[in-house]
N, C-alpha and C. Protein backbone atom coordinates (compact mmCIF):
# COMPACT_ATOMS: atom_id res chain seq x y z
N MET A 1 -18.35 -68.01 -21.44
CA MET A 1 -18.29 -67.27 -22.69
C MET A 1 -19.68 -67.30 -23.33
N PRO A 2 -20.19 -66.14 -23.78
CA PRO A 2 -21.52 -66.11 -24.40
C PRO A 2 -21.59 -66.97 -25.65
N GLU A 3 -22.77 -67.52 -25.90
CA GLU A 3 -22.99 -68.33 -27.08
C GLU A 3 -22.67 -67.53 -28.34
N GLY A 4 -21.95 -68.10 -29.26
CA GLY A 4 -21.61 -67.45 -30.50
C GLY A 4 -20.38 -66.57 -30.42
N TYR A 5 -19.82 -66.42 -29.22
CA TYR A 5 -18.66 -65.55 -29.04
C TYR A 5 -17.47 -66.04 -29.84
N ASP A 6 -17.33 -67.35 -29.94
CA ASP A 6 -16.19 -67.92 -30.65
C ASP A 6 -16.51 -68.25 -32.10
N ALA A 7 -17.62 -67.69 -32.62
CA ALA A 7 -18.00 -67.95 -34.00
C ALA A 7 -17.00 -67.31 -34.95
N PRO A 8 -16.76 -67.92 -36.09
CA PRO A 8 -15.84 -67.34 -37.07
C PRO A 8 -16.30 -65.96 -37.52
N VAL A 9 -15.35 -65.11 -37.83
CA VAL A 9 -15.67 -63.77 -38.32
C VAL A 9 -16.51 -63.89 -39.58
N GLY A 10 -17.52 -63.06 -39.68
CA GLY A 10 -18.35 -63.05 -40.88
C GLY A 10 -19.63 -63.86 -40.75
N THR A 11 -19.78 -64.62 -39.66
CA THR A 11 -21.00 -65.41 -39.54
C THR A 11 -22.14 -64.59 -38.95
N HIS A 12 -21.82 -63.46 -38.35
CA HIS A 12 -22.83 -62.55 -37.83
C HIS A 12 -22.70 -61.26 -38.60
N SER A 13 -23.78 -60.85 -39.25
CA SER A 13 -23.67 -59.60 -39.99
C SER A 13 -24.90 -58.74 -39.74
N VAL A 14 -24.66 -57.46 -39.70
CA VAL A 14 -25.71 -56.49 -39.48
C VAL A 14 -25.49 -55.37 -40.48
N VAL A 15 -26.55 -54.88 -41.06
CA VAL A 15 -26.45 -53.75 -41.98
C VAL A 15 -26.56 -52.48 -41.13
N ILE A 16 -25.58 -51.60 -41.28
CA ILE A 16 -25.56 -50.36 -40.52
C ILE A 16 -25.66 -49.20 -41.49
N ASP A 17 -26.59 -48.30 -41.22
CA ASP A 17 -26.75 -47.10 -42.04
C ASP A 17 -25.72 -46.07 -41.59
N ILE A 18 -24.85 -45.67 -42.47
CA ILE A 18 -23.82 -44.68 -42.16
C ILE A 18 -24.31 -43.32 -42.66
N ALA A 19 -24.56 -42.41 -41.73
CA ALA A 19 -25.03 -41.07 -42.11
C ALA A 19 -23.83 -40.17 -42.37
N PRO A 20 -23.90 -39.32 -43.38
CA PRO A 20 -22.79 -38.42 -43.65
C PRO A 20 -22.68 -37.34 -42.57
N PHE A 21 -21.46 -36.88 -42.33
CA PHE A 21 -21.25 -35.75 -41.42
C PHE A 21 -21.37 -34.50 -42.27
N ASP A 22 -22.60 -33.98 -42.34
CA ASP A 22 -22.90 -32.88 -43.25
C ASP A 22 -23.20 -31.59 -42.50
N ALA A 23 -23.75 -30.61 -43.20
CA ALA A 23 -23.98 -29.28 -42.63
C ALA A 23 -24.79 -29.30 -41.33
N PRO A 24 -25.89 -30.07 -41.22
CA PRO A 24 -26.62 -30.08 -39.95
C PRO A 24 -25.76 -30.61 -38.78
N ALA A 25 -24.94 -31.60 -39.04
CA ALA A 25 -24.06 -32.12 -37.99
C ALA A 25 -22.99 -31.10 -37.63
N GLU A 26 -22.47 -30.41 -38.64
CA GLU A 26 -21.47 -29.37 -38.38
C GLU A 26 -22.06 -28.25 -37.53
N ALA A 27 -23.29 -27.84 -37.84
CA ALA A 27 -23.95 -26.77 -37.08
C ALA A 27 -24.21 -27.22 -35.64
N ALA A 28 -24.64 -28.48 -35.48
CA ALA A 28 -24.88 -29.01 -34.14
C ALA A 28 -23.57 -29.07 -33.35
N TYR A 29 -22.48 -29.41 -34.02
CA TYR A 29 -21.18 -29.47 -33.36
C TYR A 29 -20.79 -28.09 -32.83
N ALA A 30 -20.90 -27.08 -33.69
CA ALA A 30 -20.52 -25.72 -33.29
C ALA A 30 -21.36 -25.24 -32.11
N GLU A 31 -22.66 -25.47 -32.18
CA GLU A 31 -23.56 -25.03 -31.11
C GLU A 31 -23.26 -25.75 -29.80
N GLN A 32 -23.15 -27.07 -29.85
CA GLN A 32 -22.93 -27.85 -28.63
C GLN A 32 -21.56 -27.58 -28.03
N ARG A 33 -20.56 -27.43 -28.87
CA ARG A 33 -19.22 -27.14 -28.35
C ARG A 33 -19.23 -25.82 -27.59
N ALA A 34 -19.89 -24.80 -28.15
CA ALA A 34 -19.97 -23.49 -27.48
C ALA A 34 -20.72 -23.62 -26.15
N LEU A 35 -21.82 -24.35 -26.15
CA LEU A 35 -22.59 -24.52 -24.92
C LEU A 35 -21.79 -25.25 -23.85
N LEU A 36 -21.11 -26.33 -24.24
CA LEU A 36 -20.34 -27.11 -23.27
C LEU A 36 -19.14 -26.34 -22.75
N GLU A 37 -18.49 -25.59 -23.61
CA GLU A 37 -17.35 -24.79 -23.16
C GLU A 37 -17.81 -23.68 -22.22
N ALA A 38 -18.94 -23.05 -22.51
CA ALA A 38 -19.47 -21.99 -21.65
C ALA A 38 -19.84 -22.54 -20.27
N ALA A 39 -20.26 -23.80 -20.23
CA ALA A 39 -20.64 -24.44 -18.98
C ALA A 39 -19.45 -25.13 -18.30
N SER A 40 -18.26 -25.00 -18.89
CA SER A 40 -17.06 -25.70 -18.39
C SER A 40 -17.33 -27.19 -18.22
N ALA A 41 -17.99 -27.76 -19.22
CA ALA A 41 -18.35 -29.18 -19.16
C ALA A 41 -18.01 -29.88 -20.48
N PRO A 42 -16.75 -29.80 -20.91
CA PRO A 42 -16.39 -30.42 -22.19
C PRO A 42 -16.51 -31.94 -22.14
N ILE A 43 -16.69 -32.52 -23.32
CA ILE A 43 -16.69 -33.99 -23.43
C ILE A 43 -15.63 -34.36 -24.46
N GLY A 44 -15.29 -35.63 -24.52
CA GLY A 44 -14.27 -36.10 -25.45
C GLY A 44 -14.65 -35.86 -26.90
N GLY A 45 -13.65 -35.70 -27.74
CA GLY A 45 -13.88 -35.41 -29.15
C GLY A 45 -14.72 -36.44 -29.88
N ASN A 46 -14.43 -37.71 -29.66
CA ASN A 46 -15.20 -38.76 -30.34
C ASN A 46 -16.63 -38.82 -29.83
N ASP A 47 -16.81 -38.65 -28.52
CA ASP A 47 -18.17 -38.62 -27.96
C ASP A 47 -18.95 -37.45 -28.53
N MET A 48 -18.27 -36.31 -28.71
CA MET A 48 -18.93 -35.14 -29.27
C MET A 48 -19.39 -35.41 -30.69
N LEU A 49 -18.55 -36.04 -31.50
CA LEU A 49 -18.94 -36.36 -32.88
C LEU A 49 -20.13 -37.31 -32.92
N ILE A 50 -20.13 -38.30 -32.05
CA ILE A 50 -21.25 -39.24 -31.97
C ILE A 50 -22.52 -38.50 -31.56
N ALA A 51 -22.40 -37.65 -30.54
CA ALA A 51 -23.56 -36.93 -30.01
C ALA A 51 -24.18 -36.01 -31.04
N VAL A 52 -23.36 -35.21 -31.72
CA VAL A 52 -23.93 -34.25 -32.66
C VAL A 52 -24.48 -34.94 -33.90
N GLN A 53 -23.92 -36.07 -34.27
CA GLN A 53 -24.48 -36.81 -35.40
C GLN A 53 -25.87 -37.32 -35.03
N ALA A 54 -26.02 -37.80 -33.80
CA ALA A 54 -27.33 -38.25 -33.33
C ALA A 54 -28.31 -37.08 -33.29
N LEU A 55 -27.87 -35.93 -32.79
CA LEU A 55 -28.74 -34.74 -32.75
C LEU A 55 -29.18 -34.35 -34.15
N ALA A 56 -28.25 -34.31 -35.08
CA ALA A 56 -28.54 -33.85 -36.44
C ALA A 56 -29.48 -34.78 -37.18
N THR A 57 -29.50 -36.04 -36.81
CA THR A 57 -30.34 -37.02 -37.50
C THR A 57 -31.53 -37.45 -36.65
N ASP A 58 -31.75 -36.74 -35.54
CA ASP A 58 -32.87 -37.01 -34.62
C ASP A 58 -32.90 -38.47 -34.16
N ARG A 59 -31.75 -38.93 -33.69
CA ARG A 59 -31.63 -40.29 -33.18
C ARG A 59 -31.12 -40.25 -31.75
N ALA A 60 -31.22 -41.36 -31.08
CA ALA A 60 -30.72 -41.48 -29.71
C ALA A 60 -29.34 -42.13 -29.72
N VAL A 61 -28.57 -41.82 -28.69
CA VAL A 61 -27.31 -42.51 -28.46
C VAL A 61 -27.60 -43.62 -27.45
N VAL A 62 -27.27 -44.84 -27.80
CA VAL A 62 -27.46 -45.98 -26.90
C VAL A 62 -26.11 -46.34 -26.33
N THR A 63 -25.97 -46.23 -25.01
CA THR A 63 -24.69 -46.45 -24.35
C THR A 63 -24.90 -46.86 -22.91
N VAL A 64 -23.91 -47.51 -22.34
CA VAL A 64 -23.93 -47.78 -20.90
C VAL A 64 -23.12 -46.74 -20.15
N ILE A 65 -22.39 -45.91 -20.88
CA ILE A 65 -21.60 -44.84 -20.28
C ILE A 65 -22.29 -43.53 -20.61
N GLU A 66 -23.22 -43.13 -19.77
CA GLU A 66 -24.09 -41.99 -20.04
C GLU A 66 -23.50 -40.64 -19.65
N ARG A 67 -22.53 -40.61 -18.75
CA ARG A 67 -22.05 -39.39 -18.12
C ARG A 67 -21.82 -38.23 -19.08
N ASP A 68 -20.98 -38.40 -20.08
CA ASP A 68 -20.68 -37.30 -20.99
C ASP A 68 -21.84 -36.98 -21.92
N PHE A 69 -22.54 -37.99 -22.40
CA PHE A 69 -23.62 -37.76 -23.35
C PHE A 69 -24.77 -36.98 -22.73
N THR A 70 -25.01 -37.13 -21.45
CA THR A 70 -26.10 -36.40 -20.80
C THR A 70 -25.80 -34.91 -20.67
N LYS A 71 -24.58 -34.49 -20.92
CA LYS A 71 -24.22 -33.07 -20.90
C LYS A 71 -24.68 -32.35 -22.17
N VAL A 72 -24.97 -33.09 -23.23
CA VAL A 72 -25.32 -32.51 -24.52
C VAL A 72 -26.80 -32.15 -24.54
N VAL A 73 -27.07 -30.85 -24.70
CA VAL A 73 -28.43 -30.33 -24.65
C VAL A 73 -29.27 -30.89 -25.80
N GLY A 74 -30.41 -31.50 -25.44
CA GLY A 74 -31.35 -32.01 -26.44
C GLY A 74 -31.07 -33.41 -26.94
N LEU A 75 -29.98 -34.02 -26.49
CA LEU A 75 -29.63 -35.36 -26.96
C LEU A 75 -30.43 -36.42 -26.22
N LYS A 76 -31.00 -37.35 -26.97
CA LYS A 76 -31.69 -38.49 -26.36
C LYS A 76 -30.64 -39.57 -26.08
N VAL A 77 -30.58 -40.01 -24.83
CA VAL A 77 -29.61 -41.02 -24.41
C VAL A 77 -30.36 -42.20 -23.82
N GLU A 78 -30.03 -43.39 -24.28
CA GLU A 78 -30.67 -44.61 -23.78
C GLU A 78 -29.61 -45.57 -23.25
N ASN A 79 -29.91 -46.14 -22.10
CA ASN A 79 -29.08 -47.21 -21.54
C ASN A 79 -30.00 -48.41 -21.42
N ARG A 80 -29.84 -49.35 -22.30
CA ARG A 80 -30.76 -50.50 -22.36
C ARG A 80 -30.40 -51.61 -21.38
N LEU A 81 -29.36 -51.38 -20.57
CA LEU A 81 -29.00 -52.37 -19.55
C LEU A 81 -29.65 -52.04 -18.21
N ARG A 82 -30.30 -50.89 -18.11
CA ARG A 82 -30.97 -50.54 -16.85
C ARG A 82 -32.43 -50.81 -16.95
């Protein structure tokens, strides 16, 4: 078991910036959904929301499951385990 895995809840804290799902994210969603549907390459709904939020805020998606995210045009995808 990794060190700290059994630590009590609340002993590890990180501040996370929560970006609003606003007009730029909505526009990115519409554009990407149309592109993916035209290419017959849909991705899951939650992955799509994550992807377009990253696009709209010019951020990368960090994941070990790259398959669906690499279908999104212009999205930066990082796998830090490779």
